[in-house]
Protein backbone atom coordinates (compact mmCIF):
# COMPACT_ATOMS: atom_id res chain seq x y z
CA MET A 1 -0.89 -21.74 18.46
CA VAL A 2 -0.38 -18.38 16.76
CA GLU A 3 0.30 -20.07 13.40
CA GLN A 4 -2.79 -22.23 13.84
CA GLU A 5 -4.85 -19.09 14.47
CA LYS A 6 -3.57 -17.66 11.19
CA LEU A 7 -4.55 -20.84 9.34
CA ASP A 8 -7.97 -20.73 10.99
CA LEU A 9 -8.38 -17.11 9.86
CA VAL A 10 -7.53 -18.10 6.28
CA ASP A 11 -10.12 -20.87 6.45
CA ASP A 12 -12.71 -18.40 7.79
CA LEU A 13 -12.00 -15.93 4.98
CA VAL A 14 -12.10 -18.71 2.37
CA GLU A 15 -15.47 -19.79 3.73
CA GLN A 16 -16.70 -16.19 3.48
CA GLY A 17 -15.55 -16.14 -0.15
CA VAL A 18 -13.22 -13.15 0.26
CA VAL A 19 -9.89 -14.94 -0.29
CA THR A 20 -8.81 -17.89 -2.42
CA ASP A 21 -8.10 -21.23 -0.78
CA PRO A 22 -4.28 -21.49 -0.93
CA ARG A 23 -4.55 -25.26 -1.33
CA THR A 24 -6.36 -24.99 -4.67
CA ALA A 25 -4.77 -24.56 -8.10
CA LYS A 26 -5.97 -20.96 -8.15
CA GLY A 27 -4.45 -20.32 -4.74
CA ARG A 28 -1.12 -21.88 -5.74
CA LEU A 29 -1.09 -19.68 -8.84
CA LEU A 30 -1.46 -16.55 -6.69
CA ALA A 31 1.39 -17.66 -4.41
CA LYS A 32 3.74 -18.43 -7.32
CA ALA A 33 2.79 -15.18 -9.03
CA ALA A 34 3.67 -13.23 -5.88
CA LYS A 35 7.14 -14.78 -5.84
CA LEU A 36 7.71 -14.11 -9.53
CA PHE A 37 6.36 -10.56 -9.47
CA ARG A 38 8.61 -9.81 -6.50
CA ALA A 39 11.72 -11.42 -8.01
CA LYS A 40 11.37 -10.33 -11.66
CA GLY A 41 8.94 -7.45 -11.49
CA TYR A 42 5.37 -7.48 -12.77
CA GLU A 43 6.16 -6.16 -16.25
CA ARG A 44 8.99 -8.64 -16.85
CA THR A 45 7.01 -11.66 -15.69
CA THR A 46 5.21 -13.33 -18.58
CA VAL A 47 2.14 -15.54 -18.59
CA ARG A 48 4.47 -18.32 -19.73
CA ASP A 49 6.60 -17.76 -16.61
CA LEU A 50 3.53 -18.04 -14.42
CA ALA A 51 2.34 -21.20 -16.15
CA ALA A 52 5.75 -22.84 -15.86
CA ALA A 53 5.92 -22.01 -12.15
CA VAL A 54 2.70 -23.91 -11.43
CA GLY A 55 3.27 -26.62 -14.03
CA ILE A 56 0.41 -25.87 -16.42
CA GLN A 57 -0.02 -24.71 -20.02
CA SER A 58 -0.10 -20.95 -20.58
CA GLY A 59 -3.68 -21.04 -21.80
CA SER A 60 -4.83 -22.82 -18.65
CA ILE A 61 -4.14 -19.70 -16.57
CA PHE A 62 -7.06 -17.98 -18.27
CA HIS A 63 -9.44 -20.56 -16.82
CA HIS A 64 -8.68 -18.89 -13.47
CA TYR A 65 -8.02 -15.25 -14.40
CA LYS A 66 -8.81 -13.21 -17.51
CA SER A 67 -5.45 -11.45 -17.59
CA LYS A 68 -2.11 -11.02 -15.85
CA GLU A 69 -3.39 -7.80 -14.31
CA GLU A 70 -6.35 -9.65 -12.83
CA ILE A 71 -3.86 -11.94 -11.06
CA LEU A 72 -2.03 -8.90 -9.69
CA LEU A 73 -5.28 -7.33 -8.53
CA ALA A 74 -6.47 -10.52 -6.82
CA MET A 75 -3.14 -10.95 -5.04
CA MET A 76 -3.15 -7.38 -3.72
CA LYS A 77 -6.79 -7.51 -2.71
CA GLU A 78 -6.41 -10.74 -0.79
CA VAL A 79 -3.22 -9.79 1.07
CA VAL A 80 -4.84 -6.53 2.21
CA ILE A 81 -8.03 -8.30 3.32
CA TYR A 82 -6.15 -11.02 5.21
CA ASN A 83 -3.79 -8.67 7.04
CA THR A 84 -6.56 -6.19 7.86
CA HIS A 85 -8.61 -8.97 9.47
CA LEU A 86 -5.57 -10.26 11.37
CA MET A 87 -4.66 -6.79 12.65
CA ARG A 88 -8.23 -6.06 13.73
CA ARG A 89 -8.32 -9.32 15.63
CA ARG A 90 -5.05 -8.53 17.42
CA VAL A 91 -6.17 -4.99 18.27
CA ASN A 92 -9.43 -6.31 19.71
CA GLU A 93 -7.46 -8.70 21.91
CA ALA A 94 -5.22 -5.92 23.25
CA LYS A 95 -5.97 -4.59 26.75
CA THR A 96 -4.21 -1.23 26.43
CA THR A 97 -3.42 1.31 23.73
CA GLU A 98 0.27 0.48 24.05
CA SER A 99 -0.36 -3.25 23.58
CA ALA A 100 -2.63 -2.50 20.61
CA LEU A 101 0.14 -0.47 18.95
CA HIS A 102 2.63 -3.24 19.70
CA ALA A 103 0.23 -5.71 18.05
CA LEU A 104 -0.05 -3.56 14.92
CA ILE A 105 3.72 -3.20 14.65
CA LYS A 106 4.26 -6.92 15.14
CA CYS A 107 1.58 -7.83 12.59
CA GLU A 108 3.06 -5.54 9.96
CA ILE A 109 6.64 -6.74 10.51
CA ASP A 110 5.40 -10.33 10.26
CA ALA A 111 3.28 -9.55 7.18
CA ILE A 112 6.32 -8.13 5.39
CA ASN A 113 8.83 -10.74 6.53
CA GLY A 114 6.58 -13.80 6.89
CA LEU A 115 4.25 -15.86 4.73
CA THR A 116 2.63 -12.88 3.01
CA GLY A 117 5.97 -11.14 2.43
CA ASP A 118 6.03 -11.66 -1.34
CA ALA A 119 2.52 -10.32 -1.85
CA MET A 120 3.12 -7.39 0.54
CA SER A 121 6.27 -6.43 -1.36
CA VAL A 122 4.38 -6.57 -4.65
CA LEU A 123 1.61 -4.45 -3.11
CA VAL A 124 4.13 -1.76 -2.12
CA TYR A 125 6.19 -1.66 -5.31
CA GLU A 126 3.84 -2.73 -8.12
CA TRP A 127 0.46 -1.15 -7.37
CA ARG A 128 1.03 1.47 -10.07
CA SER A 129 1.06 -1.38 -12.61
CA LEU A 130 -2.69 -1.60 -12.10
CA SER A 131 -5.16 0.37 -14.19
CA GLU A 132 -6.43 3.60 -12.63
CA ASP A 133 -9.72 1.98 -11.61
CA HIS A 134 -7.94 -0.93 -9.99
CA GLN A 135 -5.49 1.40 -8.25
CA ALA A 136 -8.43 3.30 -6.77
CA TYR A 137 -10.01 0.03 -5.64
CA ILE A 138 -6.86 -1.14 -3.84
CA LEU A 139 -6.25 2.26 -2.24
CA ASN A 140 -9.82 2.29 -0.96
CA LEU A 141 -9.42 -1.25 0.39
CA ARG A 142 -6.12 -0.31 2.03
CA SER A 143 -7.72 2.73 3.68
CA GLU A 144 -9.41 0.43 6.21
CA TYR A 145 -6.02 -1.11 7.03
CA GLU A 146 -4.50 2.35 7.50
CA GLN A 147 -7.44 3.55 9.57
CA LEU A 148 -6.71 0.85 12.14
CA TRP A 149 -3.25 2.37 12.55
CA MET A 150 -4.50 5.95 12.73
CA ASP A 151 -7.17 5.11 15.29
CA ILE A 152 -4.60 3.58 17.64
CA LEU A 153 -1.97 6.28 17.05
CA ASN A 154 -4.53 9.02 17.69
CA ARG A 155 -5.66 7.26 20.84
CA ALA A 156 -2.02 7.02 21.96
CA LYS A 157 -1.61 10.74 21.32
CA SER A 158 -4.73 11.57 23.35
CA GLU A 159 -3.21 9.57 26.23
CA GLY A 160 0.05 11.50 25.97
CA LYS A 161 2.04 8.51 24.70
CA VAL A 162 2.76 10.03 21.29
CA VAL A 163 3.99 13.53 20.46
CA GLY A 164 3.89 15.16 17.06
CA ASP A 165 1.79 14.48 13.99
CA THR A 166 0.33 10.96 13.96
CA PHE A 167 0.07 10.93 10.15
CA VAL A 168 3.79 11.65 9.85
CA LEU A 169 4.55 9.04 12.51
CA ARG A 170 2.58 6.44 10.57
CA ARG A 171 4.50 7.25 7.38
CA LEU A 172 7.81 6.94 9.25
CA LEU A 173 6.75 3.61 10.77
CA THR A 174 5.68 2.37 7.34
CA GLY A 175 9.12 3.13 5.93
CA ALA A 176 11.03 1.71 8.89
CA ILE A 177 9.01 -1.51 8.99
CA SER A 178 9.20 -1.96 5.21
CA TRP A 179 12.99 -1.60 5.37
CA THR A 180 13.27 -4.56 7.78
CA THR A 181 13.17 -6.85 4.74
CA THR A 182 16.73 -5.72 3.96
CA TRP A 183 18.29 -6.53 7.33
CA TYR A 184 16.03 -8.48 9.71
CA ASP A 185 16.96 -12.16 10.06
CA LYS A 186 14.07 -14.26 11.37
CA LYS A 187 16.61 -16.94 12.33
CA GLY A 188 18.85 -14.46 14.14
CA LYS A 189 19.08 -13.54 17.80
CA MET A 190 16.26 -10.99 17.80
CA THR A 191 12.75 -12.42 17.85
CA LEU A 192 9.76 -10.87 16.14
CA ASP A 193 8.39 -9.83 19.55
CA GLU A 194 11.67 -8.14 20.45
CA LEU A 195 11.87 -6.27 17.16
CA ALA A 196 8.27 -5.10 17.57
CA GLN A 197 9.07 -3.94 21.10
CA GLU A 198 12.13 -1.99 19.93
CA THR A 199 10.01 -0.34 17.24
CA LEU A 200 7.34 0.50 19.81
CA HIS A 201 9.96 2.23 21.97
CA LEU A 202 10.78 4.50 19.03
CA ALA A 203 7.12 5.36 18.50
CA ILE A 204 5.91 6.19 22.02
CA LYS A 205 7.12 8.07 25.08
C-alpha cells in the first residue's frame, strides 16, 4: 500500500507538470543519468555514455535537454520536489510531534536508500557542478524541504523532547542518515521502520 501511495504521488506530480513521467523516454533518461552520475561522477559522464545507457544516438538527447547540465538540474529539481511532497504528506498524517519526526527520518532514510537513492546521492555530492544560478535555484528549492525538518525539530524542542541547538541536530541527522548508504542492508534483519526508530531514539529524550 505504501509503495502504491508513492506511485500515486508520482502520477499526481506528473499531472501537475512538476516532475517527468518516469515511463517516458525523458523520464528513463533522467533515471539512467542518475545512476551514471552517481557511479562515474558528473564530470566523467559523457553525453555518449548517457545516450548508450538509454539506447539512443547522442544527438537525440538534445531533443529532451539542451545540455548535460540541464539533465543534472532537472534530476535534482525533481528529486527534491518529490521527496518534499512525500515528507509533507507523512507529516500531515502524523498525530504527534514524535511520530512526525519519525516520519521525516524514515522518509529520508528511504529516499537515500530506496528508489530515489541515485538522484539523492547526486544531489548531495554533485550540486556544485551546477552553475551559480542553478545552485541558487536548487538551494532555494531545498530550503522548503529543510524547513519541514526545522519546524518539527523546533516543535519537539518546545515540548521538551529535544535539547540543544535544533540546527546542529539537523546537520548531525543529515550526516548520520546519509552515511546509512555505506552500511544499511535493506535485505538484512533491521527493517526501515526499526532503523528509523533507532535514529529517533538518538534524536529525542
